[in-house]
């Protein structure tokens, strides 16, 4: 599923993710100058930033899912030629040529699971 469609379909997860992201940003700048913090006060993550993260570096979101008790594990075949992910110890399907592809695919499943729980 395209990242944009994923965010639109799972509005509760999207809102929770934005809240988490904004909180992490505030924590990250806590030790910076007051001027910089003031400048960043009104900056909020938007869907486009999240879409780019989902497609460009999906592993970045694993901490968010960990916080929500959805644990994604990346694994690979013994030959190291295929990757797969499991969520909460479910079966891993090894069908991806790269870790990034496997992690990106797992994000769709994680959104689906979390949307049901929120």
C-alpha atoms as a PDB file:
ATOM      1  CA  UNK A   1       0.000   0.000   0.000  1.00  0.00           C
ATOM      2  CA  UNK A   2       1.259   3.478  -0.779  1.00  0.00           C
ATOM      3  CA  UNK A   3       2.363   5.426   2.304  1.00  0.00           C
ATOM      4  CA  UNK A   4      -0.166   8.197   1.687  1.00  0.00           C
ATOM      5  CA  UNK A   5      -3.015   5.701   1.470  1.00  0.00           C
ATOM      6  CA  UNK A   6      -1.736   3.918   4.591  1.00  0.00           C
ATOM      7  CA  UNK A   7      -1.914   7.135   6.634  1.00  0.00           C
ATOM      8  CA  UNK A   8      -5.361   8.022   5.319  1.00  0.00           C
ATOM      9  CA  UNK A   9      -6.771   4.540   5.961  1.00  0.00           C
ATOM     10  CA  UNK A  10      -5.400   4.333   9.521  1.00  0.00           C
ATOM     11  CA  UNK A  11      -6.287   7.730  10.962  1.00  0.00           C
ATOM     12  CA  UNK A  12      -5.960   6.684  14.616  1.00  0.00           C
ATOM     13  CA  UNK A  13      -2.447   5.357  14.088  1.00  0.00           C
ATOM     14  CA  UNK A  14      -1.531   8.442  12.070  1.00  0.00           C
ATOM     15  CA  UNK A  15      -2.667  10.753  14.863  1.00  0.00           C
ATOM     16  CA  UNK A  16      -0.865   8.716  17.522  1.00  0.00           C
ATOM     17  CA  UNK A  17       2.288   8.629  15.400  1.00  0.00           C
ATOM     18  CA  UNK A  18       2.224  12.397  14.938  1.00  0.00           C
ATOM     19  CA  UNK A  19       1.845  12.924  18.690  1.00  0.00           C
ATOM     20  CA  UNK A  20       4.738  10.550  19.391  1.00  0.00           C
ATOM     21  CA  UNK A  21       6.919  12.167  16.710  1.00  0.00           C
ATOM     22  CA  UNK A  22       6.269  15.693  17.985  1.00  0.00           C
ATOM     23  CA  UNK A  23       7.029  14.619  21.558  1.00  0.00           C
ATOM     24  CA  UNK A  24      10.304  12.973  20.462  1.00  0.00           C
ATOM     25  CA  UNK A  25      11.245  16.152  18.585  1.00  0.00           C
ATOM     26  CA  UNK A  26      10.652  18.293  21.678  1.00  0.00           C
ATOM     27  CA  UNK A  27      12.757  15.891  23.751  1.00  0.00           C
ATOM     28  CA  UNK A  28      15.543  16.018  21.170  1.00  0.00           C
ATOM     29  CA  UNK A  29      15.765  19.813  21.270  1.00  0.00           C
ATOM     30  CA  UNK A  30      15.359  20.169  25.045  1.00  0.00           C
ATOM     31  CA  UNK A  31      19.038  21.008  25.556  1.00  0.00           C
ATOM     32  CA  UNK A  32      19.278  23.505  22.714  1.00  0.00           C
ATOM     33  CA  UNK A  33      19.040  27.268  22.998  1.00  0.00           C
ATOM     34  CA  UNK A  34      15.804  28.929  24.026  1.00  0.00           C
ATOM     35  CA  UNK A  35      15.742  30.834  20.746  1.00  0.00           C
ATOM     36  CA  UNK A  36      15.855  27.599  18.775  1.00  0.00           C
ATOM     37  CA  UNK A  37      13.180  25.980  20.947  1.00  0.00           C
ATOM     38  CA  UNK A  38      10.948  29.005  20.456  1.00  0.00           C
ATOM     39  CA  UNK A  39      11.469  28.848  16.714  1.00  0.00           C
ATOM     40  CA  UNK A  40      10.549  25.132  16.722  1.00  0.00           C
ATOM     41  CA  UNK A  41       7.515  25.603  18.990  1.00  0.00           C
ATOM     42  CA  UNK A  42       4.985  25.586  16.173  1.00  0.00           C
ATOM     43  CA  UNK A  43       6.703  23.040  13.955  1.00  0.00           C
ATOM     44  CA  UNK A  44       4.679  19.857  13.724  1.00  0.00           C
ATOM     45  CA  UNK A  45       5.287  16.726  11.706  1.00  0.00           C
ATOM     46  CA  UNK A  46       3.034  16.394   8.690  1.00  0.00           C
ATOM     47  CA  UNK A  47       1.874  13.449   6.620  1.00  0.00           C
ATOM     48  CA  UNK A  48       4.461  14.076   3.914  1.00  0.00           C
ATOM     49  CA  UNK A  49       7.335  13.717   6.396  1.00  0.00           C
ATOM     50  CA  UNK A  50       5.848  10.473   7.697  1.00  0.00           C
ATOM     51  CA  UNK A  51       5.268   9.184   4.152  1.00  0.00           C
ATOM     52  CA  UNK A  52       8.911   9.850   3.304  1.00  0.00           C
ATOM     53  CA  UNK A  53      10.012   8.049   6.455  1.00  0.00           C
ATOM     54  CA  UNK A  54       7.799   5.038   5.735  1.00  0.00           C
ATOM     55  CA  UNK A  55       9.246   4.717   2.242  1.00  0.00           C
ATOM     56  CA  UNK A  56      12.793   5.887   2.910  1.00  0.00           C
ATOM     57  CA  UNK A  57      13.679   4.543   6.348  1.00  0.00           C
ATOM     58  CA  UNK A  58      10.825   2.444   7.760  1.00  0.00           C
ATOM     59  CA  UNK A  59      13.003   1.145  10.603  1.00  0.00           C
ATOM     60  CA  UNK A  60      12.741   4.626  12.161  1.00  0.00           C
ATOM     61  CA  UNK A  61       9.139   3.834  13.137  1.00  0.00           C
ATOM     62  CA  UNK A  62       9.956   0.624  15.013  1.00  0.00           C
ATOM     63  CA  UNK A  63      10.372   2.547  18.282  1.00  0.00           C
ATOM     64  CA  UNK A  64       6.846   3.945  17.888  1.00  0.00           C
ATOM     65  CA  UNK A  65       5.452   0.468  17.359  1.00  0.00           C
ATOM     66  CA  UNK A  66       7.518  -0.919  20.283  1.00  0.00           C
ATOM     67  CA  UNK A  67       5.910   1.706  22.511  1.00  0.00           C
ATOM     68  CA  UNK A  68       2.546   0.353  21.386  1.00  0.00           C
ATOM     69  CA  UNK A  69       3.485  -3.300  22.032  1.00  0.00           C
ATOM     70  CA  UNK A  70       3.807  -4.172  18.366  1.00  0.00           C
ATOM     71  CA  UNK A  71       7.234  -5.701  18.008  1.00  0.00           C
ATOM     72  CA  UNK A  72       8.703  -6.038  14.525  1.00  0.00           C
ATOM     73  CA  UNK A  73      11.635  -8.369  14.039  1.00  0.00           C
ATOM     74  CA  UNK A  74      13.684  -8.463  10.865  1.00  0.00           C
ATOM     75  CA  UNK A  75      15.262 -11.786   9.970  1.00  0.00           C
ATOM     76  CA  UNK A  76      17.014 -13.381   7.000  1.00  0.00           C
ATOM     77  CA  UNK A  77      17.560 -16.813   5.527  1.00  0.00           C
ATOM     78  CA  UNK A  78      20.738 -18.700   6.396  1.00  0.00           C
ATOM     79  CA  UNK A  79      22.064 -17.950   2.937  1.00  0.00           C
ATOM     80  CA  UNK A  80      21.370 -14.257   3.563  1.00  0.00           C
ATOM     81  CA  UNK A  81      19.647 -13.870   0.237  1.00  0.00           C
ATOM     82  CA  UNK A  82      16.107 -13.160   1.476  1.00  0.00           C
ATOM     83  CA  UNK A  83      14.718 -11.019   4.270  1.00  0.00           C
ATOM     84  CA  UNK A  84      11.455 -11.083   6.150  1.00  0.00           C
ATOM     85  CA  UNK A  85       9.818  -9.556   9.209  1.00  0.00           C
ATOM     86  CA  UNK A  86       7.615 -10.982  11.884  1.00  0.00           C
ATOM     87  CA  UNK A  87       5.302  -9.047  14.151  1.00  0.00           C
ATOM     88  CA  UNK A  88       4.829 -10.212  17.733  1.00  0.00           C
ATOM     89  CA  UNK A  89       6.520 -13.537  16.913  1.00  0.00           C
ATOM     90  CA  UNK A  90       4.178 -14.463  14.057  1.00  0.00           C
ATOM     91  CA  UNK A  91       5.487 -16.427  11.102  1.00  0.00           C
ATOM     92  CA  UNK A  92       8.145 -14.737   9.010  1.00  0.00           C
ATOM     93  CA  UNK A  93       7.820 -14.948   5.244  1.00  0.00           C
ATOM     94  CA  UNK A  94      11.159 -14.597   3.508  1.00  0.00           C
ATOM     95  CA  UNK A  95      10.338 -12.955   0.224  1.00  0.00           C
ATOM     96  CA  UNK A  96      12.299  -9.706   0.062  1.00  0.00           C
ATOM     97  CA  UNK A  97      15.714  -9.064  -1.436  1.00  0.00           C
ATOM     98  CA  UNK A  98      16.570  -6.265   1.009  1.00  0.00           C
ATOM     99  CA  UNK A  99      16.018  -5.548   4.689  1.00  0.00           C
ATOM    100  CA  UNK A 100      14.426  -2.215   3.785  1.00  0.00           C
ATOM    101  CA  UNK A 101      11.803  -3.917   1.589  1.00  0.00           C
ATOM    102  CA  UNK A 102      10.936  -6.347   4.386  1.00  0.00           C
ATOM    103  CA  UNK A 103      10.707  -3.571   6.967  1.00  0.00           C
ATOM    104  CA  UNK A 104       8.588  -1.424   4.651  1.00  0.00           C
ATOM    105  CA  UNK A 105       6.160  -4.308   4.155  1.00  0.00           C
ATOM    106  CA  UNK A 106       5.919  -4.895   7.910  1.00  0.00           C
ATOM    107  CA  UNK A 107       4.868  -1.267   8.452  1.00  0.00           C
ATOM    108  CA  UNK A 108       1.612  -1.950   6.583  1.00  0.00           C
ATOM    109  CA  UNK A 109       0.840  -4.880   8.890  1.00  0.00           C
ATOM    110  CA  UNK A 110       1.818  -2.931  11.996  1.00  0.00           C
ATOM    111  CA  UNK A 111      -0.500  -0.047  11.045  1.00  0.00           C
ATOM    112  CA  UNK A 112      -3.353  -2.515  10.533  1.00  0.00           C
ATOM    113  CA  UNK A 113      -2.811  -4.181  13.915  1.00  0.00           C
ATOM    114  CA  UNK A 114      -2.450  -0.934  15.845  1.00  0.00           C
ATOM    115  CA  UNK A 115      -5.481   0.685  14.215  1.00  0.00           C
ATOM    116  CA  UNK A 116      -7.606  -2.151  15.641  1.00  0.00           C
ATOM    117  CA  UNK A 117      -6.163  -1.622  19.122  1.00  0.00           C
ATOM    118  CA  UNK A 118      -6.534   2.164  19.325  1.00  0.00           C
END
